Structures are given as C-alpha cells and as structure tokens.
C-alpha cells in the first residue's frame, strides 16, 4: 500500500496545476481511504498544499483589477474545463460578406495601385475585446498576397452593439502597392474572390468560412441628384421618373437619415394614384429586404404621385439597388452607394459620415449622446498609428432635441482631417473604430 501511495504522490506532484482529472482524483481518494492512518497523513500533506495554493491563486486573480467577468470563458479554457471545445467556434464567428476595391497611393514620382479586401464578420455571441485584440487574421491566395497592414488588433473594427443577427466586426487587408496596369488590377480583384481566411488565437489556427459570397451584377443605372424646379428641392433618383426627398447620402445601420422620406413618381396618374406600391433593396450579394410599401397618393406639385414614408436602416455599406414596384410590376430601379456605419463609442456617435467631411478644411461636427452629463467634452483625432493629430473641445448644445427614447444631447465642435487615410476619434476618453475619410 505504501508503494502505491508513493507512486500516486509522485504522479500528483508532476501533474500541471490545472490538469488533475476525475480518474486521478478517484484513485487518490480511494488510496487515501484504504491507507493506514500514518500513510493518510503522509499523502494528505502535499495534496493540501496543492489545493491551498490553487485556491489562493484563484482568489488573488478574481480580486485583481485584471479580472473581467466577460472573459470568464477564456479563463475556464486556461484551466482546462473547455479542453474538448473550440473556444472561438463557440461564438459562431463567420464571414458575412467580402468587398474588394482598388486603392491608390501617391508616391514622389507616380501613383501606385493596390487592392483592399474588407471582410465583414459576425458572431452570435459577443467576443470579449481582450480576446478580439489577441486574434491575428490572415488572408492567403496563390495569386494574390495580402498583408494585414496594421498589425494584430489594429486592422479590425470592433462593435459591442448587437444587431438583429448578432455582433459585427470588420477586418481589412491590402495588397502591396505597385505600378499595376488596369488589366493587372482587374486580375487582382478577381483573385480576391478565392482568398482563404484564417485566424490565429493562442497558438491555434482556426479556419473561417472560406467560401466568398457570390456577387450578383447590379445593372440598374446609378442614381443622380436633381432639383425640382417648382419647389427648389434636391432629390436623388432618375430625373422625370422616380425620386427620393431625403438625405444626400444613406449610411449603413443608421435610422436617423431614413426616418422621414418622400417618394415622388412621374408617369400616368391613373396607373399610379391609389395603387399599391413597394420598394425593395438588394445588395451585390443578392440579399434583399423590404424598404417600404403602401398605397400611393396624388401628386403635391408637378409629380404624378407621392408617398410620405420611412425606411429601415441599410444593413451594410456598399452598392445597393432600389427597385420600385407598382401593383407588383417593376416601375423603375436605380443604384445608390451606402456609406459605412457612423463612427461610435459606447456612449457617443458621430452624426457626420467621415466620407462627407472635407479633407484639409475645418468642419463643424455634431456628436450625439444620451446622458448629457458634461457641459463640454474633449475630442481627439488619432491616425492609424495611434498618434494624436488634433485636440478639440466640443460644447453641449443647450437646445437638446427629443425622440421617442427621451432627450438627445448634441455636442458641437470643429475638426480638421488633414489628409485622406484611416483615422479614429477619442471622445471623452472613448475611442471609435478606425474609419476612412
């Protein structure tokens, strides 16, 4: 019996601190119960030291400022309780879309070209920021070599605000810039459809959904902006056929700009007024959803029919086709470019889209907040390397508007973005995701 105790004691001492299995515990308990009293004391001494040390380490960690409840699953993984599970796979992280575009860079002698590939990811559960910033994303293709241009963590956009289908993130990759011809650029864009995306976390490589979404060709004409001569209103659409009175630009995930819209129709009033209409949106991946439906009213001015309506928020940036139907028959269709989501933090959101802010000019920004606790806030402009380029003080607007959720507080101030690139804002100590202007 003593020999068995010695063997178990030696085995216990050599085990990693977190890997005492149920079978080992069973053997230890059985041996202790079967041993003579002196041998029990001999064996219990190192066991008690082990248990006490483990408990002290755990208590110290939970009491430390480093502990965060949202990374409990990561902690459990380290202690071995999720040994048989794939940690990141439990979040159901997958590719929601891929967008490739040509980018340019002006060198001292010539303009260089490259390809930027944006991968839009989503997860059913929130991925803790600590885990997200420790993930390295990779893109591989036999014909197109991409690099993560900003290093681990800095090339991704992180959002903790859930949508109907989960949480959304963005990863950007870029090819090397070179003197590519138009033919070569086109080949690079086509090759980006066959990229294999993976990510590495804690030394393990996980494969994402490596099948790029198939795109559909959107053939409707591009919307133009035109002025209605009888009321001096600017609308977008197809002059003399269909128009939308609303914002100059639509923004993904934003409900403010689509809360109140006017649709104008030109044609035969008899085939329009009192007829059922609907408007559908389709992106380049063939995903469609209903924007509006109802019954058309008579025209107010020179148009032949109109309707006051609102749209739901567009689910993503990029090119969308809007199709207008009357009595289930296609009336007209046109394309629009939806801008990326507005930069935001946990408590603040910018009301200006970065692509609407002029480069090199002082521009007044409005930042929205729900608390209004501060009379003024500090806003810093940070470049992609983490260097503060500008600091401004934004003042609280005393004329706070209202909506169905209560008071909205607006802070106003000036900012100057010196050049095109990728930036972020630090608003009252909270940083937005990277955005392009």
Protein backbone atom coordinates (compact mmCIF):
# COMPACT_ATOMS: atom_id res chain seq x y z
CA UNK A 1 0.00 0.00 0.00
CA UNK A 2 2.85 2.34 0.85
CA UNK A 3 4.36 1.82 -2.62
CA UNK A 4 1.05 2.73 -4.24
CA UNK A 5 0.84 5.89 -2.14
CA UNK A 6 4.36 6.87 -3.17
CA UNK A 7 3.58 6.36 -6.86
CA UNK A 8 0.39 8.43 -6.64
CA UNK A 9 2.15 11.13 -4.67
CA UNK A 10 4.87 11.36 -7.30
CA UNK A 11 2.25 11.41 -10.07
CA UNK A 12 0.34 14.20 -8.34
CA UNK A 13 3.46 16.32 -7.93
CA UNK A 14 4.29 16.03 -11.65
CA UNK A 15 0.81 16.95 -12.87
CA UNK A 16 0.21 20.51 -14.21
CA UNK A 17 -1.68 22.58 -11.68
CA UNK A 18 -4.88 22.61 -13.74
CA UNK A 19 -4.95 19.08 -15.11
CA UNK A 20 -5.95 16.81 -12.20
CA UNK A 21 -8.51 14.55 -13.89
CA UNK A 22 -11.53 12.90 -12.33
CA UNK A 23 -9.85 9.48 -12.65
CA UNK A 24 -6.76 10.70 -10.77
CA UNK A 25 -8.97 12.16 -8.06
CA UNK A 26 -10.84 8.87 -7.78
CA UNK A 27 -7.57 6.94 -7.36
CA UNK A 28 -6.26 9.41 -4.79
CA UNK A 29 -9.43 9.32 -2.73
CA UNK A 30 -9.62 5.51 -2.91
CA UNK A 31 -5.98 5.14 -1.86
CA UNK A 32 -6.29 7.58 0.99
CA UNK A 33 -9.38 5.82 2.32
CA UNK A 34 -7.66 2.43 2.02
CA UNK A 35 -4.39 3.51 3.62
CA UNK A 36 -3.40 3.24 7.23
CA UNK A 37 -3.72 6.40 9.27
CA UNK A 38 0.02 7.31 9.19
CA UNK A 39 0.09 6.91 5.41
CA UNK A 40 -3.01 9.05 5.06
CA UNK A 41 -1.31 11.94 6.81
CA UNK A 42 1.77 11.47 4.65
CA UNK A 43 -0.27 11.69 1.46
CA UNK A 44 -2.63 14.46 2.56
CA UNK A 45 0.19 16.87 3.25
CA UNK A 46 1.27 17.52 -0.38
CA UNK A 47 -2.37 17.31 -1.54
CA UNK A 48 -3.45 20.00 0.91
CA UNK A 49 -0.56 22.23 -0.14
CA UNK A 50 -1.57 21.81 -3.80
CA UNK A 51 -5.25 22.60 -3.16
CA UNK A 52 -4.45 25.56 -0.92
CA UNK A 53 -2.03 27.04 -3.46
CA UNK A 54 -4.55 26.67 -6.27
CA UNK A 55 -7.29 28.31 -4.21
CA UNK A 56 -5.05 31.22 -3.22
CA UNK A 57 -4.04 31.82 -6.84
CA UNK A 58 -7.67 31.81 -7.96
CA UNK A 59 -8.81 34.19 -5.20
CA UNK A 60 -5.93 36.57 -5.94
CA UNK A 61 -6.80 36.62 -9.63
CA UNK A 62 -10.51 37.20 -9.10
CA UNK A 63 -9.73 40.06 -6.71
CA UNK A 64 -7.24 41.69 -9.06
CA UNK A 65 -8.19 44.56 -11.45
CA UNK A 66 -7.10 42.34 -14.36
CA UNK A 67 -10.09 40.05 -13.90
CA UNK A 68 -13.07 40.80 -16.13
CA UNK A 69 -16.29 38.84 -15.98
CA UNK A 70 -16.73 38.93 -19.75
CA UNK A 71 -13.64 36.76 -20.28
CA UNK A 72 -14.76 34.04 -17.88
CA UNK A 73 -14.88 31.57 -20.78
CA UNK A 74 -11.27 32.35 -21.65
CA UNK A 75 -10.31 31.78 -18.01
CA UNK A 76 -12.13 28.45 -17.98
CA UNK A 77 -10.33 27.45 -21.14
CA UNK A 78 -6.98 28.09 -19.46
CA UNK A 79 -7.99 25.92 -16.51
CA UNK A 80 -8.87 23.02 -18.74
CA UNK A 81 -12.66 22.91 -18.30
CA UNK A 82 -13.14 23.52 -22.04
CA UNK A 83 -10.39 21.20 -23.24
CA UNK A 84 -12.65 19.45 -25.75
CA UNK A 85 -14.29 22.61 -27.11
CA UNK A 86 -13.22 25.02 -29.78
CA UNK A 87 -13.25 28.37 -27.95
CA UNK A 88 -13.70 30.73 -30.88
CA UNK A 89 -16.07 28.40 -32.70
CA UNK A 90 -18.42 28.69 -29.73
CA UNK A 91 -19.07 32.29 -30.78
CA UNK A 92 -20.18 31.12 -34.26
CA UNK A 93 -17.88 33.64 -35.93
CA UNK A 94 -18.38 33.63 -39.70
CA UNK A 95 -17.93 35.75 -42.77
CA UNK A 96 -20.98 37.89 -43.55
CA UNK A 97 -19.54 39.50 -46.67
CA UNK A 98 -16.39 40.40 -48.60
CA UNK A 99 -15.78 43.60 -50.54
CA UNK A 100 -12.79 44.21 -52.83
CA UNK A 101 -11.85 47.62 -54.21
CA UNK A 102 -8.97 49.34 -55.93
CA UNK A 103 -6.93 51.76 -53.85
CA UNK A 104 -4.20 54.20 -54.84
CA UNK A 105 -1.28 55.89 -53.16
CA UNK A 106 0.62 58.91 -54.47
CA UNK A 107 4.37 58.40 -54.29
CA UNK A 108 7.00 61.01 -55.07
CA UNK A 109 7.11 60.08 -58.77
CA UNK A 110 3.87 58.29 -59.69
CA UNK A 111 0.55 56.94 -58.49
CA UNK A 112 0.73 53.38 -57.22
CA UNK A 113 -2.21 50.99 -57.19
CA UNK A 114 -3.31 48.14 -54.97
CA UNK A 115 -6.32 46.14 -53.83
CA UNK A 116 -8.06 46.40 -50.46
CA UNK A 117 -10.20 43.50 -49.30
CA UNK A 118 -12.65 44.08 -46.46
CA UNK A 119 -14.01 41.03 -44.66
CA UNK A 120 -17.23 41.61 -42.73
CA UNK A 121 -17.57 39.17 -39.83
CA UNK A 122 -20.43 38.46 -37.46
CA UNK A 123 -20.88 36.34 -34.36
CA UNK A 124 -23.93 35.13 -32.46
CA UNK A 125 -22.33 35.96 -29.10
CA UNK A 126 -20.20 38.94 -28.15
CA UNK A 127 -16.47 38.24 -28.43
CA UNK A 128 -14.71 39.91 -25.47
CA UNK A 129 -12.47 42.80 -26.53
CA UNK A 130 -9.48 41.16 -24.80
CA UNK A 131 -9.90 38.06 -26.94
CA UNK A 132 -10.60 40.05 -30.11
CA UNK A 133 -7.40 42.09 -29.76
CA UNK A 134 -5.39 38.88 -29.37
CA UNK A 135 -6.57 37.38 -32.65
CA UNK A 136 -4.36 37.60 -35.74
CA UNK A 137 -6.26 37.46 -39.01
CA UNK A 138 -4.64 36.13 -42.20
CA UNK A 139 -5.52 36.02 -45.89
CA UNK A 140 -3.88 33.64 -48.35
CA UNK A 141 -4.29 33.13 -52.09
CA UNK A 142 -1.94 31.57 -54.66
CA UNK A 143 -2.26 34.62 -56.91
CA UNK A 144 -2.85 37.48 -54.51
CA UNK A 145 -0.61 38.05 -51.50
CA UNK A 146 -2.26 40.22 -48.91
CA UNK A 147 -0.86 41.59 -45.72
CA UNK A 148 -2.54 42.79 -42.56
CA UNK A 149 -1.45 46.39 -42.96
CA UNK A 150 -1.78 47.45 -39.33
CA UNK A 151 -0.69 44.54 -37.18
CA UNK A 152 -2.62 42.45 -34.67
CA UNK A 153 -5.80 44.11 -33.45
CA UNK A 154 -5.35 47.48 -35.16
CA UNK A 155 -6.81 46.49 -38.52
CA UNK A 156 -10.16 45.45 -37.11
CA UNK A 157 -13.33 47.34 -36.31
CA UNK A 158 -14.94 46.16 -33.08
CA UNK A 159 -18.60 46.77 -32.22
CA UNK A 160 -20.29 45.72 -29.00
CA UNK A 161 -23.71 46.87 -30.19
CA UNK A 162 -25.83 43.92 -31.29
CA UNK A 163 -28.00 43.90 -34.38
CA UNK A 164 -30.81 41.50 -35.20
CA UNK A 165 -28.39 38.83 -36.42
CA UNK A 166 -25.57 39.24 -33.89
CA UNK A 167 -22.40 41.31 -33.47
CA UNK A 168 -20.43 42.77 -36.37
CA UNK A 169 -16.70 43.29 -36.98
CA UNK A 170 -14.55 44.35 -39.96
CA UNK A 171 -11.05 43.22 -40.97
CA UNK A 172 -9.16 44.97 -43.78
CA UNK A 173 -6.30 43.51 -45.86
CA UNK A 174 -4.27 45.26 -48.55
CA UNK A 175 -2.03 44.10 -51.38
CA UNK A 176 1.35 45.70 -51.93
CA UNK A 177 1.13 48.98 -53.83
CA UNK A 178 2.80 48.91 -57.24
CA UNK A 179 2.59 50.28 -60.77
CA UNK A 180 -0.17 47.85 -61.78
CA UNK A 181 -1.98 48.23 -65.10
CA UNK A 182 -5.78 48.20 -65.35
CA UNK A 183 -5.67 44.60 -66.57
CA UNK A 184 -3.48 43.54 -63.63
CA UNK A 185 -5.76 45.31 -61.13
CA UNK A 186 -8.77 43.52 -62.59
CA UNK A 187 -6.99 40.18 -62.19
CA UNK A 188 -6.17 41.02 -58.58
CA UNK A 189 -9.80 41.91 -57.89
CA UNK A 190 -10.97 38.63 -59.41
CA UNK A 191 -8.35 36.65 -57.47
CA UNK A 192 -9.62 38.14 -54.21
CA UNK A 193 -12.77 36.01 -54.58
CA UNK A 194 -10.71 32.88 -53.80
CA UNK A 195 -8.92 34.04 -50.67
CA UNK A 196 -8.61 31.64 -47.74
CA UNK A 197 -9.18 33.49 -44.47
CA UNK A 198 -7.90 32.14 -41.17
CA UNK A 199 -7.20 33.49 -37.72
CA UNK A 200 -4.71 32.53 -35.02
CA UNK A 201 -5.53 32.67 -31.33
CA UNK A 202 -3.27 31.43 -28.54
CA UNK A 203 -1.14 29.43 -30.96
CA UNK A 204 -4.06 27.69 -32.67
CA UNK A 205 -5.24 28.41 -36.22
CA UNK A 206 -8.96 28.49 -36.92
CA UNK A 207 -10.48 28.45 -40.40
CA UNK A 208 -13.26 30.90 -41.20
CA UNK A 209 -15.93 30.39 -43.83
CA UNK A 210 -13.52 30.30 -46.76
CA UNK A 211 -16.21 30.44 -49.44
CA UNK A 212 -16.51 34.04 -50.53
CA UNK A 213 -20.06 35.13 -51.09
CA UNK A 214 -21.05 35.08 -54.74
CA UNK A 215 -21.86 38.51 -56.05
CA UNK A 216 -24.66 39.42 -58.42
CA UNK A 217 -24.43 42.04 -61.12
CA UNK A 218 -26.45 45.14 -60.29
CA UNK A 219 -27.38 46.61 -63.66
CA UNK A 220 -29.75 49.45 -62.72
CA UNK A 221 -28.49 52.97 -63.54
CA UNK A 222 -26.74 54.94 -60.83
CA UNK A 223 -28.93 57.49 -59.04
CA UNK A 224 -28.30 61.16 -59.76
CA UNK A 225 -29.13 64.27 -57.76
CA UNK A 226 -31.51 66.71 -59.43
CA UNK A 227 -33.54 69.74 -58.40
CA UNK A 228 -37.31 70.00 -58.66
CA UNK A 229 -37.89 73.35 -60.41
CA UNK A 230 -41.30 74.06 -58.89
CA UNK A 231 -40.15 73.89 -55.24
CA UNK A 232 -36.32 74.10 -55.27
CA UNK A 233 -35.86 70.68 -53.64
CA UNK A 234 -32.93 68.37 -54.27
CA UNK A 235 -33.85 64.71 -54.68
CA UNK A 236 -31.95 61.59 -55.74
CA UNK A 237 -33.13 59.07 -58.29
CA UNK A 238 -33.91 59.21 -62.01
CA UNK A 239 -34.95 62.63 -63.29
CA UNK A 240 -38.54 62.64 -64.55
CA UNK A 241 -39.20 59.05 -63.37
CA UNK A 242 -38.61 58.44 -59.65
CA UNK A 243 -37.06 60.45 -56.82
CA UNK A 244 -36.42 60.35 -53.07
CA UNK A 245 -36.54 63.52 -50.98
CA UNK A 246 -34.29 62.78 -48.03
CA UNK A 247 -30.59 62.70 -47.21
CA UNK A 248 -27.90 63.28 -49.78
CA UNK A 249 -26.27 60.03 -48.64
CA UNK A 250 -27.56 56.94 -46.85
CA UNK A 251 -25.45 55.39 -44.08
CA UNK A 252 -25.37 51.73 -43.06
CA UNK A 253 -27.01 50.83 -39.73
CA UNK A 254 -28.34 54.38 -39.32
CA UNK A 255 -32.06 55.03 -38.73
CA UNK A 256 -31.85 58.82 -38.49
CA UNK A 257 -31.49 59.53 -42.19
CA UNK A 258 -34.28 57.18 -43.20
CA UNK A 259 -36.81 58.18 -40.54
CA UNK A 260 -38.73 60.58 -42.83
CA UNK A 261 -38.64 60.35 -46.62
CA UNK A 262 -40.80 61.47 -49.53
CA UNK A 263 -41.07 59.35 -52.67
CA UNK A 264 -42.02 61.09 -55.94
CA UNK A 265 -43.33 59.26 -59.03
CA UNK A 266 -43.73 60.62 -62.57
CA UNK A 267 -45.84 58.84 -65.16
CA UNK A 268 -49.52 58.24 -65.81
CA UNK A 269 -51.51 59.39 -62.72
CA UNK A 270 -54.27 56.89 -63.47
CA UNK A 271 -51.83 53.98 -63.17
CA UNK A 272 -50.18 55.39 -60.04
CA UNK A 273 -52.61 57.16 -57.68
CA UNK A 274 -54.42 54.78 -55.33
CA UNK A 275 -52.26 51.86 -56.45
CA UNK A 276 -50.25 49.62 -54.16
CA UNK A 277 -46.52 50.18 -54.22
CA UNK A 278 -43.44 48.64 -52.60
CA UNK A 279 -39.74 49.39 -52.58
CA UNK A 280 -37.12 46.65 -52.23
CA UNK A 281 -33.37 46.91 -51.64
CA UNK A 282 -30.80 44.38 -52.91
CA UNK A 283 -27.06 44.43 -52.32
CA UNK A 284 -24.34 42.95 -54.53
CA UNK A 285 -24.62 39.61 -52.71
CA UNK A 286 -28.26 39.23 -53.72
CA UNK A 287 -29.58 39.87 -50.21
CA UNK A 288 -32.93 41.68 -50.36
CA UNK A 289 -35.28 43.29 -47.86
CA UNK A 290 -38.41 45.45 -47.97
CA UNK A 291 -37.91 49.19 -47.57
CA UNK A 292 -41.49 50.46 -47.82
CA UNK A 293 -44.97 49.51 -49.00
CA UNK A 294 -48.44 51.05 -49.06
CA UNK A 295 -50.78 52.98 -51.36
CA UNK A 296 -49.67 55.95 -53.48
CA UNK A 297 -51.31 59.37 -53.06
CA UNK A 298 -51.86 62.06 -55.68
CA UNK A 299 -49.02 64.39 -56.51
CA UNK A 300 -48.43 67.54 -54.46
CA UNK A 301 -46.80 69.60 -57.20
CA UNK A 302 -45.57 68.55 -60.61
CA UNK A 303 -45.10 64.89 -59.73
CA UNK A 304 -47.90 62.48 -60.57
CA UNK A 305 -47.92 60.54 -57.28
CA UNK A 306 -46.14 60.66 -53.95
CA UNK A 307 -45.95 58.99 -50.56
CA UNK A 308 -44.52 60.05 -47.17
CA UNK A 309 -42.69 57.07 -45.68
CA UNK A 310 -39.61 55.81 -43.83
CA UNK A 311 -37.06 53.07 -44.50
CA UNK A 312 -35.41 50.62 -42.13
CA UNK A 313 -31.66 51.02 -41.80
CA UNK A 314 -29.49 49.55 -44.54
CA UNK A 315 -27.73 46.52 -43.09
CA UNK A 316 -24.34 47.16 -44.70
CA UNK A 317 -22.24 49.56 -46.70
CA UNK A 318 -21.62 49.36 -50.42
CA UNK A 319 -23.73 49.31 -53.54
CA UNK A 320 -27.49 48.72 -53.25
CA UNK A 321 -30.17 48.58 -55.93
CA UNK A 322 -33.56 50.12 -55.07
CA UNK A 323 -36.46 48.65 -57.05
CA UNK A 324 -39.82 50.46 -57.11
CA UNK A 325 -42.90 48.35 -57.84
CA UNK A 326 -46.47 49.43 -58.57
CA UNK A 327 -49.11 46.71 -58.40
CA UNK A 328 -46.28 44.11 -58.33
CA UNK A 329 -44.86 45.42 -61.63
CA UNK A 330 -41.37 46.95 -61.71
CA UNK A 331 -41.78 50.70 -62.21
CA UNK A 332 -38.15 51.89 -62.03
CA UNK A 333 -34.87 50.95 -60.35
CA UNK A 334 -31.59 52.70 -59.58
CA UNK A 335 -28.39 52.13 -57.61
CA UNK A 336 -27.06 54.01 -54.60
CA UNK A 337 -23.81 53.80 -52.63
CA UNK A 338 -24.45 53.33 -48.91
CA UNK A 339 -21.71 54.76 -46.70
CA UNK A 340 -20.05 52.81 -43.84
CA UNK A 341 -21.61 52.93 -40.35
CA UNK A 342 -21.10 56.14 -38.38
CA UNK A 343 -18.09 56.07 -36.01
CA UNK A 344 -19.23 55.47 -32.45
CA UNK A 345 -18.13 54.55 -28.95
CA UNK A 346 -20.07 53.06 -26.07
CA UNK A 347 -21.77 56.39 -25.27
CA UNK A 348 -21.20 58.64 -28.30
CA UNK A 349 -21.94 58.56 -32.01
CA UNK A 350 -20.84 60.91 -34.79
CA UNK A 351 -23.67 62.32 -36.90
CA UNK A 352 -21.40 63.13 -39.84
CA UNK A 353 -20.20 60.32 -42.10
CA UNK A 354 -16.38 60.52 -42.44
CA UNK A 355 -16.62 60.45 -46.25
CA UNK A 356 -18.76 63.60 -46.07
CA UNK A 357 -16.10 65.56 -44.17
CA UNK A 358 -13.92 67.67 -46.50
CA UNK A 359 -10.19 66.98 -46.39
CA UNK A 360 -7.89 69.74 -45.14
CA UNK A 361 -10.74 72.07 -44.16
CA UNK A 362 -12.18 72.98 -40.79
CA UNK A 363 -15.54 71.28 -40.42
CA UNK A 364 -18.17 71.52 -37.70
CA UNK A 365 -19.09 68.12 -36.30
CA UNK A 366 -22.05 67.07 -34.18
CA UNK A 367 -21.65 64.23 -31.69
CA UNK A 368 -24.71 62.66 -30.10
CA UNK A 369 -25.01 61.39 -26.55
CA UNK A 370 -27.90 60.24 -24.34
CA UNK A 371 -26.68 61.32 -20.92
CA UNK A 372 -25.68 64.99 -21.32
CA UNK A 373 -23.77 64.85 -18.06
CA UNK A 374 -20.89 67.03 -19.31
CA UNK A 375 -21.10 70.63 -20.48
CA UNK A 376 -18.09 70.05 -22.71
CA UNK A 377 -16.09 67.05 -23.92
CA UNK A 378 -12.59 66.59 -25.35
CA UNK A 379 -12.36 65.13 -28.85
CA UNK A 380 -9.02 63.89 -30.23
CA UNK A 381 -8.27 62.95 -33.84
CA UNK A 382 -5.94 59.92 -33.94
CA UNK A 383 -4.22 58.49 -37.02
CA UNK A 384 -3.89 54.77 -37.77
CA UNK A 385 -0.54 54.65 -35.94
CA UNK A 386 -2.11 55.85 -32.69
CA UNK A 387 -0.68 59.38 -32.88
CA UNK A 388 -2.93 62.26 -31.80
CA UNK A 389 -3.12 64.77 -34.67
CA UNK A 390 -5.59 67.26 -33.19
CA UNK A 391 -7.44 68.04 -29.96
CA UNK A 392 -10.70 69.99 -29.74
CA UNK A 393 -13.27 70.92 -27.12
CA UNK A 394 -16.91 70.29 -28.06
CA UNK A 395 -19.62 72.25 -26.26
CA UNK A 396 -23.07 70.96 -25.28
CA UNK A 397 -25.88 72.41 -27.41
CA UNK A 398 -28.47 73.83 -24.96
CA UNK A 399 -31.30 73.24 -27.45
CA UNK A 400 -31.49 69.46 -26.98
CA UNK A 401 -33.89 67.65 -29.32
CA UNK A 402 -36.19 64.81 -28.31
CA UNK A 403 -37.22 61.47 -29.74
CA UNK A 404 -39.33 58.52 -28.55
CA UNK A 405 -36.49 57.40 -26.27
CA UNK A 406 -36.15 60.73 -24.47
CA UNK A 407 -33.76 63.66 -24.65
CA UNK A 408 -30.91 63.64 -27.15
CA UNK A 409 -27.81 65.68 -26.34
CA UNK A 410 -25.63 67.16 -29.07
CA UNK A 411 -22.06 68.36 -28.71
CA UNK A 412 -20.70 70.70 -31.37
CA UNK A 413 -17.12 71.49 -32.29
CA UNK A 414 -14.65 71.89 -35.14
CA UNK A 415 -12.21 69.36 -36.50
CA UNK A 416 -9.81 69.27 -39.44
CA UNK A 417 -8.82 65.97 -41.04
CA UNK A 418 -5.53 66.86 -42.78
CA UNK A 419 -5.48 64.13 -45.45
CA UNK A 420 -7.20 61.02 -46.73
CA UNK A 421 -6.46 57.89 -44.75
CA UNK A 422 -7.67 55.88 -41.77
CA UNK A 423 -8.49 57.64 -38.51
CA UNK A 424 -10.31 57.25 -35.23
CA UNK A 425 -11.73 59.68 -32.69
CA UNK A 426 -11.19 59.57 -28.96
CA UNK A 427 -14.34 61.12 -27.50
CA UNK A 428 -14.27 61.87 -23.78
CA UNK A 429 -11.74 59.05 -23.38
CA UNK A 430 -13.68 56.54 -25.52
CA UNK A 431 -12.19 55.50 -28.88
CA UNK A 432 -14.18 54.82 -32.06
CA UNK A 433 -13.33 52.14 -34.59
CA UNK A 434 -10.98 53.02 -37.45
CA UNK A 435 -12.73 54.80 -40.31
CA UNK A 436 -11.75 56.02 -43.77
CA UNK A 437 -12.46 59.58 -44.84
